[in-house]
Every structure is written in structure tokens, then in C-alpha cells.
Amino acid sequence: MEEYIALLTNFAAAVRGEEESVTPGRSGIGSLALANAAYLSAWKGERIALPFDGEEYAECLAAKILQEK
């Protein structure tokens, strides 16, 4: 739990311009793309190559959101 507090504290300080972020956004984009590809793969029931079609992902996500309502 202390690690998360430290990361969030650092994030807030970086947003305020008080210090450099220890986890720049660029470093997380690959993880996010991989996670989103895994979701897209599960939704479609097929393998997804990286990089994947962002519009297709957005359409599938919108359809899933509608299904949940």
C-alpha cells in the first residue's frame, strides 16, 4: 500500500510541476495497449496483432458498455 501512496504523491507533485514523474506516461502506454489487445481478443474470440485497430477497439468497447446497461 505504501508504494501506491508514494506513486500517487509523486504523480500529484509532477502535475503541480514540483518534481519529475517516476512513471512517465510513455512507459505505461505499452502496458495499456497490451491489456486492451487482450480485451479485444477475448471479445472477438481471436488473436489480435499489435498494434491493433483503435477504432475497432472503441466500437467493441462501446458495444460492451451498451450490453451492460
N, C-alpha and C. Protein backbone atom coordinates (compact mmCIF):
# COMPACT_ATOMS: atom_id res chain seq x y z
N MET A 1 0.81 -1.19 0.00
CA MET A 1 0.00 0.00 0.00
C MET A 1 0.87 1.26 0.00
N GLU A 2 1.98 1.21 0.70
CA GLU A 2 2.86 2.38 0.77
C GLU A 2 3.40 2.76 -0.61
N GLU A 3 3.62 1.74 -1.47
CA GLU A 3 4.12 2.02 -2.83
C GLU A 3 3.11 2.84 -3.61
N TYR A 4 1.82 2.50 -3.47
CA TYR A 4 0.79 3.24 -4.19
C TYR A 4 0.68 4.67 -3.69
N ILE A 5 0.79 4.84 -2.39
CA ILE A 5 0.75 6.18 -1.82
C ILE A 5 1.91 7.01 -2.35
N ALA A 6 3.09 6.40 -2.42
CA ALA A 6 4.27 7.11 -2.93
C ALA A 6 4.08 7.48 -4.40
N LEU A 7 3.54 6.55 -5.20
CA LEU A 7 3.31 6.84 -6.62
C LEU A 7 2.29 7.96 -6.81
N LEU A 8 1.20 7.91 -6.05
CA LEU A 8 0.18 8.94 -6.18
C LEU A 8 0.68 10.30 -5.69
N THR A 9 1.47 10.28 -4.64
CA THR A 9 2.06 11.53 -4.14
C THR A 9 3.00 12.13 -5.19
N ASN A 10 3.81 11.27 -5.81
CA ASN A 10 4.71 11.72 -6.86
C ASN A 10 3.92 12.25 -8.06
N PHE A 11 2.85 11.54 -8.43
CA PHE A 11 2.03 11.97 -9.56
C PHE A 11 1.47 13.37 -9.31
N ALA A 12 0.91 13.58 -8.11
CA ALA A 12 0.34 14.90 -7.78
C ALA A 12 1.42 15.98 -7.83
N ALA A 13 2.60 15.69 -7.31
CA ALA A 13 3.69 16.67 -7.33
C ALA A 13 4.14 16.95 -8.76
N ALA A 14 4.14 15.93 -9.60
CA ALA A 14 4.52 16.12 -11.01
C ALA A 14 3.50 16.98 -11.73
N VAL A 15 2.22 16.76 -11.45
CA VAL A 15 1.17 17.58 -12.07
C VAL A 15 1.32 19.04 -11.66
N ARG A 16 1.69 19.25 -10.40
CA ARG A 16 1.90 20.63 -9.92
C ARG A 16 3.21 21.22 -10.40
N GLY A 17 4.05 20.42 -11.06
CA GLY A 17 5.33 20.90 -11.56
C GLY A 17 6.41 20.96 -10.51
N GLU A 18 6.21 20.27 -9.40
CA GLU A 18 7.17 20.32 -8.29
C GLU A 18 8.30 19.30 -8.43
N GLU A 19 8.07 18.21 -9.18
CA GLU A 19 9.11 17.20 -9.38
C GLU A 19 8.81 16.41 -10.64
N GLU A 20 9.80 15.64 -11.07
CA GLU A 20 9.63 14.78 -12.23
C GLU A 20 8.85 13.54 -11.84
N SER A 21 8.03 13.06 -12.76
CA SER A 21 7.29 11.84 -12.53
C SER A 21 8.23 10.63 -12.57
N VAL A 22 8.06 9.71 -11.63
CA VAL A 22 8.87 8.49 -11.65
C VAL A 22 8.31 7.48 -12.65
N THR A 23 7.10 7.71 -13.12
CA THR A 23 6.47 6.82 -14.11
C THR A 23 5.86 7.66 -15.23
N PRO A 24 6.69 8.10 -16.18
CA PRO A 24 6.16 8.91 -17.27
C PRO A 24 5.11 8.15 -18.07
N GLY A 25 4.16 8.87 -18.63
CA GLY A 25 3.07 8.27 -19.39
C GLY A 25 3.54 7.37 -20.51
N ARG A 26 4.64 7.74 -21.16
CA ARG A 26 5.15 6.93 -22.28
C ARG A 26 5.46 5.51 -21.86
N SER A 27 5.89 5.33 -20.62
CA SER A 27 6.27 3.99 -20.17
C SER A 27 5.05 3.10 -19.96
N GLY A 28 3.90 3.68 -19.73
CA GLY A 28 2.71 2.89 -19.48
C GLY A 28 1.88 2.58 -20.70
N ILE A 29 2.13 3.26 -21.81
CA ILE A 29 1.29 3.08 -22.98
C ILE A 29 1.37 1.67 -23.55
N GLY A 30 2.54 1.06 -23.47
CA GLY A 30 2.69 -0.31 -23.96
C GLY A 30 1.87 -1.30 -23.15
N SER A 31 1.87 -1.13 -21.85
CA SER A 31 1.08 -1.99 -20.97
C SER A 31 -0.41 -1.82 -21.23
N LEU A 32 -0.82 -0.58 -21.44
CA LEU A 32 -2.23 -0.30 -21.73
C LEU A 32 -2.64 -0.92 -23.06
N ALA A 33 -1.78 -0.80 -24.07
CA ALA A 33 -2.07 -1.39 -25.38
C ALA A 33 -2.19 -2.90 -25.28
N LEU A 34 -1.31 -3.53 -24.51
CA LEU A 34 -1.36 -4.97 -24.33
C LEU A 34 -2.64 -5.40 -23.63
N ALA A 35 -3.02 -4.69 -22.58
CA ALA A 35 -4.25 -5.00 -21.87
C ALA A 35 -5.47 -4.83 -22.77
N ASN A 36 -5.50 -3.74 -23.53
CA ASN A 36 -6.63 -3.50 -24.43
C ASN A 36 -6.68 -4.55 -25.54
N ALA A 37 -5.52 -4.99 -26.02
CA ALA A 37 -5.48 -6.05 -27.03
C ALA A 37 -6.02 -7.35 -26.46
N ALA A 38 -5.73 -7.63 -25.20
CA ALA A 38 -6.25 -8.83 -24.56
C ALA A 38 -7.77 -8.78 -24.46
N TYR A 39 -8.32 -7.62 -24.10
CA TYR A 39 -9.77 -7.47 -24.07
C TYR A 39 -10.37 -7.67 -25.46
N LEU A 40 -9.79 -7.02 -26.46
CA LEU A 40 -10.30 -7.13 -27.83
C LEU A 40 -10.25 -8.58 -28.30
N SER A 41 -9.19 -9.27 -27.98
CA SER A 41 -9.05 -10.67 -28.34
C SER A 41 -10.15 -11.52 -27.70
N ALA A 42 -10.41 -11.28 -26.43
CA ALA A 42 -11.45 -12.03 -25.72
C ALA A 42 -12.83 -11.73 -26.30
N TRP A 43 -13.09 -10.46 -26.59
CA TRP A 43 -14.40 -10.08 -27.12
C TRP A 43 -14.66 -10.70 -28.48
N LYS A 44 -13.60 -10.74 -29.30
CA LYS A 44 -13.75 -11.25 -30.67
C LYS A 44 -13.51 -12.76 -30.77
N GLY A 45 -12.87 -13.33 -29.77
CA GLY A 45 -12.56 -14.75 -29.80
C GLY A 45 -11.50 -15.12 -30.82
N GLU A 46 -10.56 -14.20 -31.02
CA GLU A 46 -9.47 -14.45 -31.97
C GLU A 46 -8.21 -13.73 -31.54
N ARG A 47 -7.10 -14.11 -32.15
CA ARG A 47 -5.83 -13.44 -31.85
C ARG A 47 -5.83 -12.04 -32.42
N ILE A 48 -5.19 -11.15 -31.69
CA ILE A 48 -5.10 -9.75 -32.11
C ILE A 48 -3.62 -9.39 -32.22
N ALA A 49 -3.22 -8.86 -33.35
CA ALA A 49 -1.84 -8.42 -33.55
C ALA A 49 -1.67 -6.99 -33.05
N LEU A 50 -0.49 -6.73 -32.51
CA LEU A 50 -0.16 -5.37 -32.10
C LEU A 50 0.64 -4.69 -33.19
N PRO A 51 0.43 -3.44 -33.47
CA PRO A 51 -0.64 -2.61 -32.92
C PRO A 51 -1.98 -2.99 -33.54
N PHE A 52 -3.04 -2.82 -32.78
CA PHE A 52 -4.38 -3.17 -33.26
C PHE A 52 -5.13 -1.92 -33.70
N ASP A 53 -6.27 -2.14 -34.33
CA ASP A 53 -7.09 -1.05 -34.85
C ASP A 53 -7.83 -0.38 -33.69
N GLY A 54 -7.46 0.84 -33.38
CA GLY A 54 -8.07 1.57 -32.27
C GLY A 54 -9.56 1.81 -32.47
N GLU A 55 -9.98 2.04 -33.70
CA GLU A 55 -11.40 2.26 -33.97
C GLU A 55 -12.20 0.99 -33.70
N GLU A 56 -11.65 -0.15 -34.09
CA GLU A 56 -12.32 -1.43 -33.82
C GLU A 56 -12.45 -1.65 -32.32
N TYR A 57 -11.38 -1.35 -31.59
CA TYR A 57 -11.43 -1.48 -30.13
C TYR A 57 -12.52 -0.59 -29.55
N ALA A 58 -12.56 0.66 -29.99
CA ALA A 58 -13.55 1.61 -29.47
C ALA A 58 -14.98 1.13 -29.76
N GLU A 59 -15.20 0.58 -30.95
CA GLU A 59 -16.52 0.07 -31.31
C GLU A 59 -16.91 -1.12 -30.43
N CYS A 60 -15.97 -2.04 -30.23
CA CYS A 60 -16.24 -3.21 -29.38
C CYS A 60 -16.48 -2.79 -27.94
N LEU A 61 -15.71 -1.83 -27.45
CA LEU A 61 -15.89 -1.34 -26.08
C LEU A 61 -17.26 -0.69 -25.93
N ALA A 62 -17.65 0.13 -26.92
CA ALA A 62 -18.97 0.78 -26.86
C ALA A 62 -20.08 -0.27 -26.84
N ALA A 63 -19.93 -1.31 -27.63
CA ALA A 63 -20.94 -2.38 -27.66
C ALA A 63 -21.01 -3.08 -26.31
N LYS A 64 -19.85 -3.33 -25.68
CA LYS A 64 -19.84 -3.97 -24.36
C LYS A 64 -20.49 -3.09 -23.33
N ILE A 65 -20.26 -1.81 -23.39
CA ILE A 65 -20.87 -0.87 -22.44
C ILE A 65 -22.38 -0.90 -22.60
N LEU A 66 -22.87 -0.90 -23.83
CA LEU A 66 -24.32 -0.96 -24.06
C LEU A 66 -24.91 -2.26 -23.53
N GLN A 67 -24.18 -3.37 -23.68
CA GLN A 67 -24.66 -4.65 -23.19
C GLN A 67 -24.82 -4.66 -21.67
N GLU A 68 -23.98 -3.91 -21.00
CA GLU A 68 -24.01 -3.88 -19.53
C GLU A 68 -25.14 -3.03 -18.97
N LYS A 69 -25.72 -2.19 -19.80
CA LYS A 69 -26.79 -1.29 -19.31
C LYS A 69 -28.10 -1.99 -19.25
